[in-house]
């Protein structure tokens, strides 16, 4: 059974995402919070230009090796 993310936790994460507009250094922490909130092994966000198909920005959480070995993971 998958637990739903509480509205308070989701709202807090969304607020942190908005804060990253002013402080891009915060992305790594936000990605880590998202990873933990959704019980994942890793999260990433990337921005690419459609004009020249080049990457413009990436942020990611650290890999969680315990989650990678959890049953049901690919």
PDB file of N, CA and C in Angstrom:
ATOM      1  N   UNK A   1       0.834  -1.169   0.000  1.00  0.00           N
ATOM      2  CA  UNK A   1       0.000   0.000   0.000  1.00  0.00           C
ATOM      3  C   UNK A   1       0.886   1.243   0.000  1.00  0.00           C
ATOM      4  N   UNK A   2       0.629   2.175  -0.906  1.00  0.00           N
ATOM      5  CA  UNK A   2       1.402   3.396  -1.033  1.00  0.00           C
ATOM      6  C   UNK A   2       0.756   4.483  -0.186  1.00  0.00           C
ATOM      7  N   UNK A   3       1.569   5.116   0.672  1.00  0.00           N
ATOM      8  CA  UNK A   3       1.064   6.215   1.473  1.00  0.00           C
ATOM      9  C   UNK A   3       1.066   7.490   0.650  1.00  0.00           C
ATOM     10  N   UNK A   4       0.031   8.302   0.856  1.00  0.00           N
ATOM     11  CA  UNK A   4      -0.043   9.581   0.166  1.00  0.00           C
ATOM     12  C   UNK A   4       0.804  10.609   0.909  1.00  0.00           C
ATOM     13  N   UNK A   5       1.383  11.493   0.171  1.00  0.00           N
ATOM     14  CA  UNK A   5       2.148  12.590   0.738  1.00  0.00           C
ATOM     15  C   UNK A   5       1.159  13.575   1.350  1.00  0.00           C
ATOM     16  N   UNK A   6       1.375  13.971   2.583  1.00  0.00           N
ATOM     17  CA  UNK A   6       0.449  14.894   3.239  1.00  0.00           C
ATOM     18  C   UNK A   6       0.448  16.235   2.509  1.00  0.00           C
ATOM     19  N   UNK A   7      -0.672  16.943   2.596  1.00  0.00           N
ATOM     20  CA  UNK A   7      -0.764  18.241   1.929  1.00  0.00           C
ATOM     21  C   UNK A   7       0.231  19.231   2.519  1.00  0.00           C
ATOM     22  N   UNK A   8       0.516  19.097   3.816  1.00  0.00           N
ATOM     23  CA  UNK A   8       1.491  19.983   4.442  1.00  0.00           C
ATOM     24  C   UNK A   8       2.892  19.735   3.893  1.00  0.00           C
ATOM     25  N   UNK A   9       3.263  18.458   3.777  1.00  0.00           N
ATOM     26  CA  UNK A   9       4.587  18.118   3.248  1.00  0.00           C
ATOM     27  C   UNK A   9       4.713  18.546   1.791  1.00  0.00           C
ATOM     28  N   UNK A  10       3.665  18.298   1.012  1.00  0.00           N
ATOM     29  CA  UNK A  10       3.683  18.694  -0.398  1.00  0.00           C
ATOM     30  C   UNK A  10       3.789  20.210  -0.525  1.00  0.00           C
ATOM     31  N   UNK A  11       3.022  20.938   0.265  1.00  0.00           N
ATOM     32  CA  UNK A  11       3.060  22.401   0.235  1.00  0.00           C
ATOM     33  C   UNK A  11       4.442  22.918   0.605  1.00  0.00           C
ATOM     34  N   UNK A  12       5.069  22.296   1.586  1.00  0.00           N
ATOM     35  CA  UNK A  12       6.409  22.698   2.012  1.00  0.00           C
ATOM     36  C   UNK A  12       7.431  22.473   0.898  1.00  0.00           C
ATOM     37  N   UNK A  13       7.342  21.337   0.241  1.00  0.00           N
ATOM     38  CA  UNK A  13       8.260  21.041  -0.864  1.00  0.00           C
ATOM     39  C   UNK A  13       8.039  22.018  -2.012  1.00  0.00           C
ATOM     40  N   UNK A  14       6.793  22.307  -2.337  1.00  0.00           N
ATOM     41  CA  UNK A  14       6.496  23.268  -3.409  1.00  0.00           C
ATOM     42  C   UNK A  14       7.066  24.635  -3.052  1.00  0.00           C
ATOM     43  N   UNK A  15       6.911  25.050  -1.786  1.00  0.00           N
ATOM     44  CA  UNK A  15       7.499  26.314  -1.348  1.00  0.00           C
ATOM     45  C   UNK A  15       9.005  26.325  -1.516  1.00  0.00           C
ATOM     46  N   UNK A  16       9.647  25.200  -1.191  1.00  0.00           N
ATOM     47  CA  UNK A  16      11.098  25.103  -1.365  1.00  0.00           C
ATOM     48  C   UNK A  16      11.494  25.198  -2.835  1.00  0.00           C
ATOM     49  N   UNK A  17      10.688  24.621  -3.708  1.00  0.00           N
ATOM     50  CA  UNK A  17      10.957  24.709  -5.149  1.00  0.00           C
ATOM     51  C   UNK A  17      10.902  26.174  -5.595  1.00  0.00           C
ATOM     52  N   UNK A  18       9.886  26.887  -5.166  1.00  0.00           N
ATOM     53  CA  UNK A  18       9.796  28.317  -5.492  1.00  0.00           C
ATOM     54  C   UNK A  18      11.001  29.080  -4.947  1.00  0.00           C
ATOM     55  N   UNK A  19      11.455  28.746  -3.742  1.00  0.00           N
ATOM     56  CA  UNK A  19      12.620  29.412  -3.154  1.00  0.00           C
ATOM     57  C   UNK A  19      13.877  29.207  -4.001  1.00  0.00           C
ATOM     58  N   UNK A  20      13.948  28.098  -4.707  1.00  0.00           N
ATOM     59  CA  UNK A  20      15.115  27.806  -5.537  1.00  0.00           C
ATOM     60  C   UNK A  20      15.244  28.768  -6.717  1.00  0.00           C
ATOM     61  N   UNK A  21      14.165  29.443  -7.064  1.00  0.00           N
ATOM     62  CA  UNK A  21      14.247  30.456  -8.119  1.00  0.00           C
ATOM     63  C   UNK A  21      15.198  31.562  -7.668  1.00  0.00           C
ATOM     64  N   UNK A  22      15.126  31.922  -6.389  1.00  0.00           N
ATOM     65  CA  UNK A  22      15.989  32.976  -5.849  1.00  0.00           C
ATOM     66  C   UNK A  22      17.337  32.442  -5.384  1.00  0.00           C
ATOM     67  N   UNK A  23      17.379  31.174  -5.006  1.00  0.00           N
ATOM     68  CA  UNK A  23      18.603  30.575  -4.501  1.00  0.00           C
ATOM     69  C   UNK A  23      18.797  29.191  -5.132  1.00  0.00           C
ATOM     70  N   UNK A  24      19.347  29.150  -6.351  1.00  0.00           N
ATOM     71  CA  UNK A  24      19.503  27.867  -7.050  1.00  0.00           C
ATOM     72  C   UNK A  24      20.362  26.848  -6.311  1.00  0.00           C
ATOM     73  N   UNK A  25      21.176  27.276  -5.361  1.00  0.00           N
ATOM     74  CA  UNK A  25      21.994  26.329  -4.609  1.00  0.00           C
ATOM     75  C   UNK A  25      21.134  25.406  -3.753  1.00  0.00           C
ATOM     76  N   UNK A  26      19.869  25.745  -3.557  1.00  0.00           N
ATOM     77  CA  UNK A  26      18.981  24.937  -2.734  1.00  0.00           C
ATOM     78  C   UNK A  26      18.433  23.702  -3.425  1.00  0.00           C
ATOM     79  N   UNK A  27      18.660  23.566  -4.735  1.00  0.00           N
ATOM     80  CA  UNK A  27      18.073  22.451  -5.474  1.00  0.00           C
ATOM     81  C   UNK A  27      18.485  21.077  -4.940  1.00  0.00           C
ATOM     82  N   UNK A  28      19.726  20.907  -4.570  1.00  0.00           N
ATOM     83  CA  UNK A  28      20.172  19.584  -4.094  1.00  0.00           C
ATOM     84  C   UNK A  28      19.378  19.173  -2.852  1.00  0.00           C
ATOM     85  N   UNK A  29      19.167  20.109  -1.933  1.00  0.00           N
ATOM     86  CA  UNK A  29      18.393  19.795  -0.731  1.00  0.00           C
ATOM     87  C   UNK A  29      16.932  19.486  -1.074  1.00  0.00           C
ATOM     88  N   UNK A  30      16.364  20.241  -2.006  1.00  0.00           N
ATOM     89  CA  UNK A  30      14.973  19.988  -2.408  1.00  0.00           C
ATOM     90  C   UNK A  30      14.850  18.615  -3.046  1.00  0.00           C
ATOM     91  N   UNK A  31      15.793  18.256  -3.895  1.00  0.00           N
ATOM     92  CA  UNK A  31      15.733  16.948  -4.545  1.00  0.00           C
ATOM     93  C   UNK A  31      15.862  15.832  -3.511  1.00  0.00           C
ATOM     94  N   UNK A  32      16.684  16.044  -2.491  1.00  0.00           N
ATOM     95  CA  UNK A  32      16.812  15.058  -1.412  1.00  0.00           C
ATOM     96  C   UNK A  32      15.491  14.942  -0.649  1.00  0.00           C
ATOM     97  N   UNK A  33      14.843  16.065  -0.362  1.00  0.00           N
ATOM     98  CA  UNK A  33      13.545  16.031   0.332  1.00  0.00           C
ATOM     99  C   UNK A  33      12.506  15.270  -0.489  1.00  0.00           C
ATOM    100  N   UNK A  34      12.497  15.517  -1.793  1.00  0.00           N
ATOM    101  CA  UNK A  34      11.543  14.815  -2.666  1.00  0.00           C
ATOM    102  C   UNK A  34      11.832  13.321  -2.651  1.00  0.00           C
ATOM    103  N   UNK A  35      13.102  12.947  -2.759  1.00  0.00           N
ATOM    104  CA  UNK A  35      13.490  11.536  -2.741  1.00  0.00           C
ATOM    105  C   UNK A  35      12.979  10.852  -1.478  1.00  0.00           C
ATOM    106  N   UNK A  36      13.183  11.503  -0.342  1.00  0.00           N
ATOM    107  CA  UNK A  36      12.735  10.937   0.929  1.00  0.00           C
ATOM    108  C   UNK A  36      11.214  10.907   1.025  1.00  0.00           C
ATOM    109  N   UNK A  37      10.554  11.962   0.553  1.00  0.00           N
ATOM    110  CA  UNK A  37       9.095  12.051   0.664  1.00  0.00           C
ATOM    111  C   UNK A  37       8.378  10.983  -0.149  1.00  0.00           C
ATOM    112  N   UNK A  38       8.963  10.612  -1.287  1.00  0.00           N
ATOM    113  CA  UNK A  38       8.303   9.614  -2.136  1.00  0.00           C
ATOM    114  C   UNK A  38       8.936   8.231  -2.000  1.00  0.00           C
ATOM    115  N   UNK A  39       9.842   8.101  -1.020  1.00  0.00           N
ATOM    116  CA  UNK A  39      10.482   6.822  -0.731  1.00  0.00           C
ATOM    117  C   UNK A  39      11.186   6.266  -1.966  1.00  0.00           C
ATOM    118  N   UNK A  40      11.963   7.133  -2.607  1.00  0.00           N
ATOM    119  CA  UNK A  40      12.658   6.761  -3.833  1.00  0.00           C
ATOM    120  C   UNK A  40      14.142   6.545  -3.564  1.00  0.00           C
ATOM    121  N   UNK A  41      14.843   6.067  -4.554  1.00  0.00           N
ATOM    122  CA  UNK A  41      16.284   5.870  -4.449  1.00  0.00           C
ATOM    123  C   UNK A  41      17.046   7.073  -4.999  1.00  0.00           C
ATOM    124  N   UNK A  42      16.391   7.897  -5.835  1.00  0.00           N
ATOM    125  CA  UNK A  42      17.077   8.975  -6.516  1.00  0.00           C
ATOM    126  C   UNK A  42      16.045   9.857  -7.190  1.00  0.00           C
ATOM    127  N   UNK A  43      16.289  11.165  -7.232  1.00  0.00           N
ATOM    128  CA  UNK A  43      15.460  12.074  -8.030  1.00  0.00           C
ATOM    129  C   UNK A  43      16.374  13.051  -8.745  1.00  0.00           C
ATOM    130  N   UNK A  44      15.910  13.508  -9.887  1.00  0.00           N
ATOM    131  CA  UNK A  44      16.669  14.487 -10.666  1.00  0.00           C
ATOM    132  C   UNK A  44      15.705  15.397 -11.416  1.00  0.00           C
ATOM    133  N   UNK A  45      16.187  16.579 -11.721  1.00  0.00           N
ATOM    134  CA  UNK A  45      15.446  17.522 -12.550  1.00  0.00           C
ATOM    135  C   UNK A  45      16.439  18.070 -13.565  1.00  0.00           C
ATOM    136  N   UNK A  46      15.982  18.243 -14.784  1.00  0.00           N
ATOM    137  CA  UNK A  46      16.869  18.745 -15.834  1.00  0.00           C
ATOM    138  C   UNK A  46      16.110  19.708 -16.726  1.00  0.00           C
ATOM    139  N   UNK A  47      16.808  20.705 -17.214  1.00  0.00           N
ATOM    140  CA  UNK A  47      16.259  21.686 -18.134  1.00  0.00           C
ATOM    141  C   UNK A  47      17.106  21.659 -19.391  1.00  0.00           C
ATOM    142  N   UNK A  48      16.456  21.471 -20.538  1.00  0.00           N
ATOM    143  CA  UNK A  48      17.171  21.442 -21.808  1.00  0.00           C
ATOM    144  C   UNK A  48      16.509  22.409 -22.779  1.00  0.00           C
ATOM    145  N   UNK A  49      17.304  23.010 -23.616  1.00  0.00           N
ATOM    146  CA  UNK A  49      16.812  23.924 -24.629  1.00  0.00           C
ATOM    147  C   UNK A  49      16.292  23.131 -25.823  1.00  0.00           C
ATOM    148  N   UNK A  50      15.114  23.469 -26.289  1.00  0.00           N
ATOM    149  CA  UNK A  50      14.599  22.815 -27.494  1.00  0.00           C
ATOM    150  C   UNK A  50      15.220  23.417 -28.747  1.00  0.00           C
ATOM    151  N   UNK A  51      15.762  24.621 -28.630  1.00  0.00           N
ATOM    152  CA  UNK A  51      16.359  25.276 -29.793  1.00  0.00           C
ATOM    153  C   UNK A  51      17.630  24.569 -30.250  1.00  0.00           C
ATOM    154  N   UNK A  52      18.482  24.215 -29.296  1.00  0.00           N
ATOM    155  CA  UNK A  52      19.742  23.582 -29.678  1.00  0.00           C
ATOM    156  C   UNK A  52      19.951  22.229 -28.999  1.00  0.00           C
ATOM    157  N   UNK A  53      18.919  21.739 -28.302  1.00  0.00           N
ATOM    158  CA  UNK A  53      18.952  20.419 -27.687  1.00  0.00           C
ATOM    159  C   UNK A  53      20.126  20.258 -26.724  1.00  0.00           C
ATOM    160  N   UNK A  54      20.442  21.321 -25.983  1.00  0.00           N
ATOM    161  CA  UNK A  54      21.544  21.278 -25.031  1.00  0.00           C
ATOM    162  C   UNK A  54      21.016  21.429 -23.619  1.00  0.00           C
ATOM    163  N   UNK A  55      21.661  20.752 -22.697  1.00  0.00           N
ATOM    164  CA  UNK A  55      21.298  20.860 -21.304  1.00  0.00           C
ATOM    165  C   UNK A  55      21.645  22.234 -20.749  1.00  0.00           C
ATOM    166  N   UNK A  56      20.741  22.779 -19.941  1.00  0.00           N
ATOM    167  CA  UNK A  56      20.963  24.095 -19.350  1.00  0.00           C
ATOM    168  C   UNK A  56      21.115  24.033 -17.831  1.00  0.00           C
ATOM    169  N   UNK A  57      20.512  23.010 -17.214  1.00  0.00           N
ATOM    170  CA  UNK A  57      20.513  22.932 -15.759  1.00  0.00           C
ATOM    171  C   UNK A  57      20.167  21.517 -15.332  1.00  0.00           C
ATOM    172  N   UNK A  58      20.822  21.027 -14.291  1.00  0.00           N
ATOM    173  CA  UNK A  58      20.452  19.760 -13.667  1.00  0.00           C
ATOM    174  C   UNK A  58      20.666  19.858 -12.162  1.00  0.00           C
ATOM    175  N   UNK A  59      19.863  19.141 -11.438  1.00  0.00           N
ATOM    176  CA  UNK A  59      20.034  18.991  -9.990  1.00  0.00           C
ATOM    177  C   UNK A  59      19.565  17.592  -9.647  1.00  0.00           C
ATOM    178  N   UNK A  60      20.178  16.990  -8.646  1.00  0.00           N
ATOM    179  CA  UNK A  60      19.810  15.632  -8.281  1.00  0.00           C
ATOM    180  C   UNK A  60      20.075  15.394  -6.809  1.00  0.00           C
ATOM    181  N   UNK A  61      19.420  14.374  -6.323  1.00  0.00           N
ATOM    182  CA  UNK A  61      19.685  13.918  -4.959  1.00  0.00           C
ATOM    183  C   UNK A  61      20.808  12.886  -5.034  1.00  0.00           C
ATOM    184  N   UNK A  62      21.423  12.591  -3.909  1.00  0.00           N
ATOM    185  CA  UNK A  62      22.370  11.481  -3.899  1.00  0.00           C
ATOM    186  C   UNK A  62      21.615  10.155  -4.086  1.00  0.00           C
ATOM    187  N   UNK A  63      22.291   9.175  -4.626  1.00  0.00           N
ATOM    188  CA  UNK A  63      21.713   7.835  -4.722  1.00  0.00           C
ATOM    189  C   UNK A  63      21.597   7.249  -3.323  1.00  0.00           C
ATOM    190  N   UNK A  64      20.501   6.568  -3.050  1.00  0.00           N
ATOM    191  CA  UNK A  64      20.316   5.877  -1.775  1.00  0.00           C
ATOM    192  C   UNK A  64      20.522   4.392  -2.038  1.00  0.00           C
ATOM    193  N   UNK A  65      21.693   3.853  -1.696  1.00  0.00           N
ATOM    194  CA  UNK A  65      21.981   2.452  -2.018  1.00  0.00           C
ATOM    195  C   UNK A  65      21.041   1.475  -1.321  1.00  0.00           C
ATOM    196  N   UNK A  66      20.553   1.819  -0.143  1.00  0.00           N
ATOM    197  CA  UNK A  66      19.607   0.941   0.558  1.00  0.00           C
ATOM    198  C   UNK A  66      18.305   0.847  -0.235  1.00  0.00           C
ATOM    199  N   UNK A  67      17.817   1.963  -0.726  1.00  0.00           N
ATOM    200  CA  UNK A  67      16.596   1.959  -1.526  1.00  0.00           C
ATOM    201  C   UNK A  67      16.802   1.203  -2.843  1.00  0.00           C
ATOM    202  N   UNK A  68      17.994   1.304  -3.408  1.00  0.00           N
ATOM    203  CA  UNK A  68      18.270   0.607  -4.666  1.00  0.00           C
ATOM    204  C   UNK A  68      18.183  -0.907  -4.486  1.00  0.00           C
ATOM    205  N   UNK A  69      18.497  -1.395  -3.281  1.00  0.00           N
ATOM    206  CA  UNK A  69      18.451  -2.838  -3.027  1.00  0.00           C
ATOM    207  C   UNK A  69      17.113  -3.289  -2.437  1.00  0.00           C
ATOM    208  N   UNK A  70      16.191  -2.351  -2.220  1.00  0.00           N
ATOM    209  CA  UNK A  70      14.903  -2.709  -1.600  1.00  0.00           C
ATOM    210  C   UNK A  70      14.111  -3.611  -2.540  1.00  0.00           C
ATOM    211  N   UNK A  71      13.366  -4.566  -1.977  1.00  0.00           N
ATOM    212  CA  UNK A  71      12.535  -5.449  -2.801  1.00  0.00           C
ATOM    213  C   UNK A  71      11.567  -4.653  -3.661  1.00  0.00           C
ATOM    214  N   UNK A  72      11.376  -5.120  -4.872  1.00  0.00           N
ATOM    215  CA  UNK A  72      10.444  -4.460  -5.788  1.00  0.00           C
ATOM    216  C   UNK A  72      11.071  -3.360  -6.619  1.00  0.00           C
ATOM    217  N   UNK A  73      12.327  -3.044  -6.404  1.00  0.00           N
ATOM    218  CA  UNK A  73      13.019  -2.031  -7.207  1.00  0.00           C
ATOM    219  C   UNK A  73      13.608  -2.716  -8.436  1.00  0.00           C
ATOM    220  N   UNK A  74      13.649  -1.978  -9.509  1.00  0.00           N
ATOM    221  CA  UNK A  74      14.250  -2.520 -10.740  1.00  0.00           C
ATOM    222  C   UNK A  74      15.728  -2.337 -10.738  1.00  0.00           C
TER     223      UNK A  74
END
